[in-house]
């Protein structure tokens, strides 16, 4: 089978903008965890495998499926496929909402496989990793104050990690600063609520907003992101 082992993890949201090579401008449904491909009518593991293989074959013919992860986001179950270029080093993640299929799995295994049910028990992300639970930077209304609070938090929680990227998003009316971190081969994204700062910033600057999915927008600042 395609998915020999499904791993439930607390990793941050993958950044589709980090994709290199000839697919660096991929956009649209399926390339953000917050905007996954909705899988309907799948009744078995085999059908799910075939659905995913066919999708990758049709939309990314020069790629093959690598690692897989399952994330529990509120009431939704999202499957991540890491696709790797067959003749190159580029990678891209595709996201599928498999909630309908997982509901069927739970019902089918309700009596015969309680151990499996425990493995798919909904879990929540720790503070900062989830868009729904960002680190709130209270009373930080200047760039300097935002930077200071971020540095203090990251030094305490993630010592040794280096900042590789920053983006500003609006997630259900909250301004979030998404900070990408890397240490050796490990990467993650920490989300900070910078609403207090952005409210002050917005008084003097016009924001350019790009919708990623319903309720989620990326903000392009007129100056460089917070260092």
C-alpha atoms as a PDB file:
ATOM      1  CA  UNK A   1       0.000   0.000   0.000  1.00  0.00           C
ATOM      2  CA  UNK A   2       1.007   3.595  -0.530  1.00  0.00           C
ATOM      3  CA  UNK A   3       0.738   4.540   3.143  1.00  0.00           C
ATOM      4  CA  UNK A   4       2.457   1.829   5.161  1.00  0.00           C
ATOM      5  CA  UNK A   5       2.422   3.987   8.258  1.00  0.00           C
ATOM      6  CA  UNK A   6       0.508   7.121   9.000  1.00  0.00           C
ATOM      7  CA  UNK A   7       2.143   9.482  11.466  1.00  0.00           C
ATOM      8  CA  UNK A   8       0.178  11.969  13.542  1.00  0.00           C
ATOM      9  CA  UNK A   9       2.419  14.909  14.315  1.00  0.00           C
ATOM     10  CA  UNK A  10       2.524  18.435  15.683  1.00  0.00           C
ATOM     11  CA  UNK A  11       4.624  19.914  12.864  1.00  0.00           C
ATOM     12  CA  UNK A  12       3.898  23.402  11.550  1.00  0.00           C
ATOM     13  CA  UNK A  13       2.192  24.223   8.314  1.00  0.00           C
ATOM     14  CA  UNK A  14       4.346  23.514   5.266  1.00  0.00           C
ATOM     15  CA  UNK A  15       5.249  26.540   3.214  1.00  0.00           C
ATOM     16  CA  UNK A  16       4.502  26.016  -0.476  1.00  0.00           C
ATOM     17  CA  UNK A  17       6.506  29.148  -1.325  1.00  0.00           C
ATOM     18  CA  UNK A  18       9.680  27.320  -0.341  1.00  0.00           C
ATOM     19  CA  UNK A  19       9.393  25.008  -3.357  1.00  0.00           C
ATOM     20  CA  UNK A  20      12.264  25.418  -5.767  1.00  0.00           C
ATOM     21  CA  UNK A  21      12.991  24.404  -9.383  1.00  0.00           C
ATOM     22  CA  UNK A  22      10.347  24.626 -12.114  1.00  0.00           C
ATOM     23  CA  UNK A  23       7.315  24.575  -9.770  1.00  0.00           C
ATOM     24  CA  UNK A  24       8.210  27.541  -7.586  1.00  0.00           C
ATOM     25  CA  UNK A  25       5.023  29.415  -8.511  1.00  0.00           C
ATOM     26  CA  UNK A  26       2.502  26.689  -7.738  1.00  0.00           C
ATOM     27  CA  UNK A  27      -0.653  28.148  -6.255  1.00  0.00           C
ATOM     28  CA  UNK A  28      -4.218  27.130  -5.524  1.00  0.00           C
ATOM     29  CA  UNK A  29      -6.122  24.408  -3.740  1.00  0.00           C
ATOM     30  CA  UNK A  30      -4.097  21.582  -2.262  1.00  0.00           C
ATOM     31  CA  UNK A  31      -0.840  23.458  -1.709  1.00  0.00           C
ATOM     32  CA  UNK A  32      -1.772  24.904   1.701  1.00  0.00           C
ATOM     33  CA  UNK A  33      -2.959  22.889   4.684  1.00  0.00           C
ATOM     34  CA  UNK A  34      -5.662  25.495   5.227  1.00  0.00           C
ATOM     35  CA  UNK A  35      -6.971  24.878   1.686  1.00  0.00           C
ATOM     36  CA  UNK A  36      -6.767  21.103   1.105  1.00  0.00           C
ATOM     37  CA  UNK A  37      -8.190  18.993  -1.702  1.00  0.00           C
ATOM     38  CA  UNK A  38     -11.522  17.540  -0.556  1.00  0.00           C
ATOM     39  CA  UNK A  39     -11.641  13.759  -0.975  1.00  0.00           C
ATOM     40  CA  UNK A  40     -15.200  12.448  -1.368  1.00  0.00           C
ATOM     41  CA  UNK A  41     -16.658   9.004  -2.058  1.00  0.00           C
ATOM     42  CA  UNK A  42     -13.580   7.015  -1.027  1.00  0.00           C
ATOM     43  CA  UNK A  43     -14.664   3.821   0.722  1.00  0.00           C
ATOM     44  CA  UNK A  44     -11.424   1.915   1.323  1.00  0.00           C
ATOM     45  CA  UNK A  45      -7.708   2.346   1.915  1.00  0.00           C
ATOM     46  CA  UNK A  46      -7.056   1.010  -1.587  1.00  0.00           C
ATOM     47  CA  UNK A  47      -9.346   3.627  -3.137  1.00  0.00           C
ATOM     48  CA  UNK A  48      -7.628   6.392  -1.158  1.00  0.00           C
ATOM     49  CA  UNK A  49      -4.220   5.179  -2.362  1.00  0.00           C
ATOM     50  CA  UNK A  50      -5.433   5.153  -5.959  1.00  0.00           C
ATOM     51  CA  UNK A  51      -7.029   8.591  -5.613  1.00  0.00           C
ATOM     52  CA  UNK A  52      -3.785  10.141  -4.369  1.00  0.00           C
ATOM     53  CA  UNK A  53      -1.601   8.373  -6.944  1.00  0.00           C
ATOM     54  CA  UNK A  54      -3.882   9.456  -9.770  1.00  0.00           C
ATOM     55  CA  UNK A  55      -3.944  13.055  -8.527  1.00  0.00           C
ATOM     56  CA  UNK A  56      -0.160  13.266  -8.341  1.00  0.00           C
ATOM     57  CA  UNK A  57       0.195  11.553 -11.730  1.00  0.00           C
ATOM     58  CA  UNK A  58      -2.183  14.048 -13.331  1.00  0.00           C
ATOM     59  CA  UNK A  59      -1.032  17.274 -11.679  1.00  0.00           C
ATOM     60  CA  UNK A  60       2.646  16.555 -10.915  1.00  0.00           C
ATOM     61  CA  UNK A  61       3.711  13.945 -13.498  1.00  0.00           C
ATOM     62  CA  UNK A  62       7.427  14.504 -12.881  1.00  0.00           C
ATOM     63  CA  UNK A  63       7.046  13.818  -9.143  1.00  0.00           C
ATOM     64  CA  UNK A  64       6.674  10.754  -6.972  1.00  0.00           C
ATOM     65  CA  UNK A  65       5.142  10.375  -3.510  1.00  0.00           C
ATOM     66  CA  UNK A  66       7.574  10.316  -0.591  1.00  0.00           C
ATOM     67  CA  UNK A  67       6.708  10.743   3.085  1.00  0.00           C
ATOM     68  CA  UNK A  68       3.138  11.054   4.376  1.00  0.00           C
ATOM     69  CA  UNK A  69       1.710  12.714   7.471  1.00  0.00           C
ATOM     70  CA  UNK A  70      -1.773  13.056   8.959  1.00  0.00           C
ATOM     71  CA  UNK A  71      -2.812  16.186  10.852  1.00  0.00           C
ATOM     72  CA  UNK A  72      -5.891  16.676  13.018  1.00  0.00           C
ATOM     73  CA  UNK A  73      -7.125  20.245  12.585  1.00  0.00           C
ATOM     74  CA  UNK A  74     -10.210  20.787  14.721  1.00  0.00           C
ATOM     75  CA  UNK A  75     -12.873  18.549  13.165  1.00  0.00           C
ATOM     76  CA  UNK A  76     -10.885  17.930   9.971  1.00  0.00           C
ATOM     77  CA  UNK A  77      -8.353  15.234   9.175  1.00  0.00           C
ATOM     78  CA  UNK A  78      -5.752  16.356   6.623  1.00  0.00           C
ATOM     79  CA  UNK A  79      -3.328  14.068   4.804  1.00  0.00           C
ATOM     80  CA  UNK A  80      -0.030  15.554   3.645  1.00  0.00           C
ATOM     81  CA  UNK A  81       1.859  13.955   0.757  1.00  0.00           C
ATOM     82  CA  UNK A  82       5.448  15.048   0.287  1.00  0.00           C
ATOM     83  CA  UNK A  83       6.122  14.766  -3.441  1.00  0.00           C
ATOM     84  CA  UNK A  84       9.697  14.611  -4.684  1.00  0.00           C
ATOM     85  CA  UNK A  85      10.971  15.349  -8.165  1.00  0.00           C
ATOM     86  CA  UNK A  86      11.961  12.111  -9.908  1.00  0.00           C
ATOM     87  CA  UNK A  87      14.966  13.648 -11.613  1.00  0.00           C
ATOM     88  CA  UNK A  88      15.867  16.524  -9.360  1.00  0.00           C
ATOM     89  CA  UNK A  89      15.842  17.748  -5.771  1.00  0.00           C
ATOM     90  CA  UNK A  90      12.660  19.830  -5.631  1.00  0.00           C
ATOM     91  CA  UNK A  91       9.884  18.961  -3.187  1.00  0.00           C
ATOM     92  CA  UNK A  92       6.268  20.045  -2.827  1.00  0.00           C
ATOM     93  CA  UNK A  93       3.560  19.072  -0.355  1.00  0.00           C
ATOM     94  CA  UNK A  94      -0.028  18.317  -1.344  1.00  0.00           C
ATOM     95  CA  UNK A  95      -2.812  18.365   1.235  1.00  0.00           C
ATOM     96  CA  UNK A  96      -5.994  16.268   1.137  1.00  0.00           C
ATOM     97  CA  UNK A  97      -9.005  16.571   3.437  1.00  0.00           C
ATOM     98  CA  UNK A  98      -9.798  12.911   4.198  1.00  0.00           C
ATOM     99  CA  UNK A  99     -12.303  13.547   7.006  1.00  0.00           C
ATOM    100  CA  UNK A 100     -15.110  11.642   5.260  1.00  0.00           C
ATOM    101  CA  UNK A 101     -12.932   8.565   4.773  1.00  0.00           C
ATOM    102  CA  UNK A 102     -11.577   8.676   8.336  1.00  0.00           C
ATOM    103  CA  UNK A 103     -15.124   8.849   9.735  1.00  0.00           C
ATOM    104  CA  UNK A 104     -15.866   5.606   7.883  1.00  0.00           C
ATOM    105  CA  UNK A 105     -12.668   4.032   9.198  1.00  0.00           C
ATOM    106  CA  UNK A 106     -13.603   4.893  12.769  1.00  0.00           C
ATOM    107  CA  UNK A 107     -17.051   3.327  12.378  1.00  0.00           C
ATOM    108  CA  UNK A 108     -15.666   0.186  10.722  1.00  0.00           C
ATOM    109  CA  UNK A 109     -13.090  -0.295  13.461  1.00  0.00           C
ATOM    110  CA  UNK A 110     -15.304   0.683  16.370  1.00  0.00           C
ATOM    111  CA  UNK A 111     -15.642  -2.901  17.651  1.00  0.00           C
ATOM    112  CA  UNK A 112     -12.805  -4.820  16.046  1.00  0.00           C
ATOM    113  CA  UNK A 113      -9.844  -2.465  16.340  1.00  0.00           C
ATOM    114  CA  UNK A 114      -9.890  -0.183  19.368  1.00  0.00           C
ATOM    115  CA  UNK A 115      -6.092   0.153  19.207  1.00  0.00           C
ATOM    116  CA  UNK A 116      -6.337   1.749  15.771  1.00  0.00           C
ATOM    117  CA  UNK A 117      -9.023   4.094  17.037  1.00  0.00           C
ATOM    118  CA  UNK A 118      -6.695   5.340  19.743  1.00  0.00           C
ATOM    119  CA  UNK A 119      -4.086   6.165  17.113  1.00  0.00           C
ATOM    120  CA  UNK A 120      -6.527   8.435  15.269  1.00  0.00           C
ATOM    121  CA  UNK A 121      -7.796  10.206  18.357  1.00  0.00           C
ATOM    122  CA  UNK A 122      -8.047  13.928  17.547  1.00  0.00           C
ATOM    123  CA  UNK A 123      -5.125  15.894  18.908  1.00  0.00           C
ATOM    124  CA  UNK A 124      -4.373  19.588  19.072  1.00  0.00           C
ATOM    125  CA  UNK A 125      -1.224  21.486  18.197  1.00  0.00           C
ATOM    126  CA  UNK A 126       0.902  23.028  20.954  1.00  0.00           C
ATOM    127  CA  UNK A 127       0.829  26.790  21.419  1.00  0.00           C
ATOM    128  CA  UNK A 128       2.535  28.679  18.605  1.00  0.00           C
ATOM    129  CA  UNK A 129       2.612  25.839  16.094  1.00  0.00           C
ATOM    130  CA  UNK A 130      -1.059  26.110  15.216  1.00  0.00           C
ATOM    131  CA  UNK A 131      -2.587  29.100  13.450  1.00  0.00           C
ATOM    132  CA  UNK A 132      -5.423  28.721  15.937  1.00  0.00           C
ATOM    133  CA  UNK A 133      -3.116  29.047  18.964  1.00  0.00           C
ATOM    134  CA  UNK A 134      -0.497  31.693  18.165  1.00  0.00           C
ATOM    135  CA  UNK A 135       1.851  33.239  20.706  1.00  0.00           C
ATOM    136  CA  UNK A 136       0.192  36.533  21.627  1.00  0.00           C
ATOM    137  CA  UNK A 137       2.614  39.471  21.749  1.00  0.00           C
ATOM    138  CA  UNK A 138       0.806  41.739  24.183  1.00  0.00           C
ATOM    139  CA  UNK A 139       1.221  45.504  23.924  1.00  0.00           C
ATOM    140  CA  UNK A 140       3.896  45.142  21.245  1.00  0.00           C
ATOM    141  CA  UNK A 141       3.058  48.139  19.061  1.00  0.00           C
ATOM    142  CA  UNK A 142       6.450  48.826  17.467  1.00  0.00           C
ATOM    143  CA  UNK A 143       8.721  46.655  15.355  1.00  0.00           C
ATOM    144  CA  UNK A 144      11.353  46.765  18.062  1.00  0.00           C
ATOM    145  CA  UNK A 145       8.916  45.516  20.708  1.00  0.00           C
ATOM    146  CA  UNK A 146       7.710  42.720  18.427  1.00  0.00           C
ATOM    147  CA  UNK A 147      11.262  41.658  17.657  1.00  0.00           C
ATOM    148  CA  UNK A 148      12.269  41.713  21.331  1.00  0.00           C
ATOM    149  CA  UNK A 149       9.340  39.540  22.454  1.00  0.00           C
ATOM    150  CA  UNK A 150       9.864  37.108  19.570  1.00  0.00           C
ATOM    151  CA  UNK A 151      13.556  36.750  20.357  1.00  0.00           C
ATOM    152  CA  UNK A 152      12.884  36.139  24.039  1.00  0.00           C
ATOM    153  CA  UNK A 153      10.333  33.443  23.275  1.00  0.00           C
ATOM    154  CA  UNK A 154      12.421  31.686  20.608  1.00  0.00           C
ATOM    155  CA  UNK A 155      15.592  31.715  22.705  1.00  0.00           C
ATOM    156  CA  UNK A 156      13.701  30.038  25.542  1.00  0.00           C
ATOM    157  CA  UNK A 157      11.624  27.519  23.540  1.00  0.00           C
ATOM    158  CA  UNK A 158      13.798  26.854  20.493  1.00  0.00           C
ATOM    159  CA  UNK A 159      17.467  27.456  21.364  1.00  0.00           C
ATOM    160  CA  UNK A 160      19.850  26.890  18.473  1.00  0.00           C
ATOM    161  CA  UNK A 161      17.223  27.411  15.758  1.00  0.00           C
ATOM    162  CA  UNK A 162      17.870  29.962  13.008  1.00  0.00           C
ATOM    163  CA  UNK A 163      15.177  32.146  11.434  1.00  0.00           C
ATOM    164  CA  UNK A 164      14.934  31.456   7.696  1.00  0.00           C
ATOM    165  CA  UNK A 165      11.742  33.278   6.698  1.00  0.00           C
ATOM    166  CA  UNK A 166       8.959  35.536   7.972  1.00  0.00           C
ATOM    167  CA  UNK A 167       5.482  36.157   6.592  1.00  0.00           C
ATOM    168  CA  UNK A 168       2.483  38.110   7.816  1.00  0.00           C
ATOM    169  CA  UNK A 169      -0.922  36.453   7.521  1.00  0.00           C
ATOM    170  CA  UNK A 170      -4.466  37.350   8.512  1.00  0.00           C
ATOM    171  CA  UNK A 171      -6.156  34.313  10.015  1.00  0.00           C
ATOM    172  CA  UNK A 172      -9.808  34.911  10.887  1.00  0.00           C
ATOM    173  CA  UNK A 173      -9.212  38.639  11.516  1.00  0.00           C
ATOM    174  CA  UNK A 174      -6.001  38.136  13.537  1.00  0.00           C
ATOM    175  CA  UNK A 175      -2.635  39.322  12.222  1.00  0.00           C
ATOM    176  CA  UNK A 176      -0.070  36.552  12.545  1.00  0.00           C
ATOM    177  CA  UNK A 177       3.678  36.699  12.010  1.00  0.00           C
ATOM    178  CA  UNK A 178       4.755  33.257  10.771  1.00  0.00           C
ATOM    179  CA  UNK A 179       8.409  32.642  11.627  1.00  0.00           C
ATOM    180  CA  UNK A 180      10.143  29.747   9.863  1.00  0.00           C
ATOM    181  CA  UNK A 181      12.925  28.115  11.892  1.00  0.00           C
ATOM    182  CA  UNK A 182      15.607  25.568  11.052  1.00  0.00           C
ATOM    183  CA  UNK A 183      18.088  23.551  13.095  1.00  0.00           C
ATOM    184  CA  UNK A 184      20.140  20.895  11.298  1.00  0.00           C
ATOM    185  CA  UNK A 185      17.516  18.927   9.287  1.00  0.00           C
ATOM    186  CA  UNK A 186      14.554  19.989  11.414  1.00  0.00           C
ATOM    187  CA  UNK A 187      12.229  22.765  10.276  1.00  0.00           C
ATOM    188  CA  UNK A 188       9.111  24.281  11.817  1.00  0.00           C
ATOM    189  CA  UNK A 189       6.973  27.409  11.802  1.00  0.00           C
ATOM    190  CA  UNK A 190       5.999  29.381  14.908  1.00  0.00           C
ATOM    191  CA  UNK A 191       3.036  31.749  14.733  1.00  0.00           C
ATOM    192  CA  UNK A 192       2.935  35.016  16.680  1.00  0.00           C
ATOM    193  CA  UNK A 193      -0.164  37.161  17.081  1.00  0.00           C
ATOM    194  CA  UNK A 194       1.054  40.655  16.117  1.00  0.00           C
ATOM    195  CA  UNK A 195      -2.395  42.251  15.873  1.00  0.00           C
ATOM    196  CA  UNK A 196      -1.509  45.112  18.238  1.00  0.00           C
ATOM    197  CA  UNK A 197       1.498  46.048  16.120  1.00  0.00           C
ATOM    198  CA  UNK A 198      -0.310  45.691  12.793  1.00  0.00           C
ATOM    199  CA  UNK A 199      -3.209  47.860  13.935  1.00  0.00           C
ATOM    200  CA  UNK A 200      -0.719  50.677  14.508  1.00  0.00           C
ATOM    201  CA  UNK A 201       1.120  49.908  11.276  1.00  0.00           C
ATOM    202  CA  UNK A 202      -2.138  49.948   9.307  1.00  0.00           C
ATOM    203  CA  UNK A 203      -2.846  53.535  10.424  1.00  0.00           C
ATOM    204  CA  UNK A 204       0.096  54.757   8.331  1.00  0.00           C
ATOM    205  CA  UNK A 205       0.318  52.136   5.577  1.00  0.00           C
ATOM    206  CA  UNK A 206      -2.061  50.604   3.087  1.00  0.00           C
ATOM    207  CA  UNK A 207      -1.923  46.810   3.219  1.00  0.00           C
ATOM    208  CA  UNK A 208      -1.916  44.588   0.156  1.00  0.00           C
ATOM    209  CA  UNK A 209      -3.803  41.410   0.977  1.00  0.00           C
ATOM    210  CA  UNK A 210      -3.751  38.184  -1.022  1.00  0.00           C
ATOM    211  CA  UNK A 211      -6.411  35.596  -0.219  1.00  0.00           C
ATOM    212  CA  UNK A 212      -5.045  32.074   0.277  1.00  0.00           C
ATOM    213  CA  UNK A 213      -8.322  30.442   1.298  1.00  0.00           C
ATOM    214  CA  UNK A 214     -11.552  31.513   3.038  1.00  0.00           C
ATOM    215  CA  UNK A 215     -10.563  33.315   6.226  1.00  0.00           C
ATOM    216  CA  UNK A 216      -6.834  33.293   5.413  1.00  0.00           C
ATOM    217  CA  UNK A 217      -4.920  36.123   3.700  1.00  0.00           C
ATOM    218  CA  UNK A 218      -1.245  36.882   3.196  1.00  0.00           C
ATOM    219  CA  UNK A 219      -0.186  40.474   3.796  1.00  0.00           C
ATOM    220  CA  UNK A 220       2.509  42.160   1.721  1.00  0.00           C
ATOM    221  CA  UNK A 221       4.127  44.873   3.785  1.00  0.00           C
ATOM    222  CA  UNK A 222       5.523  48.043   2.263  1.00  0.00           C
ATOM    223  CA  UNK A 223       8.787  47.525   4.097  1.00  0.00           C
ATOM    224  CA  UNK A 224      10.865  44.467   4.777  1.00  0.00           C
ATOM    225  CA  UNK A 225       9.352  41.963   7.266  1.00  0.00           C
ATOM    226  CA  UNK A 226      10.221  42.345  10.928  1.00  0.00           C
ATOM    227  CA  UNK A 227      13.899  41.329  11.215  1.00  0.00           C
END
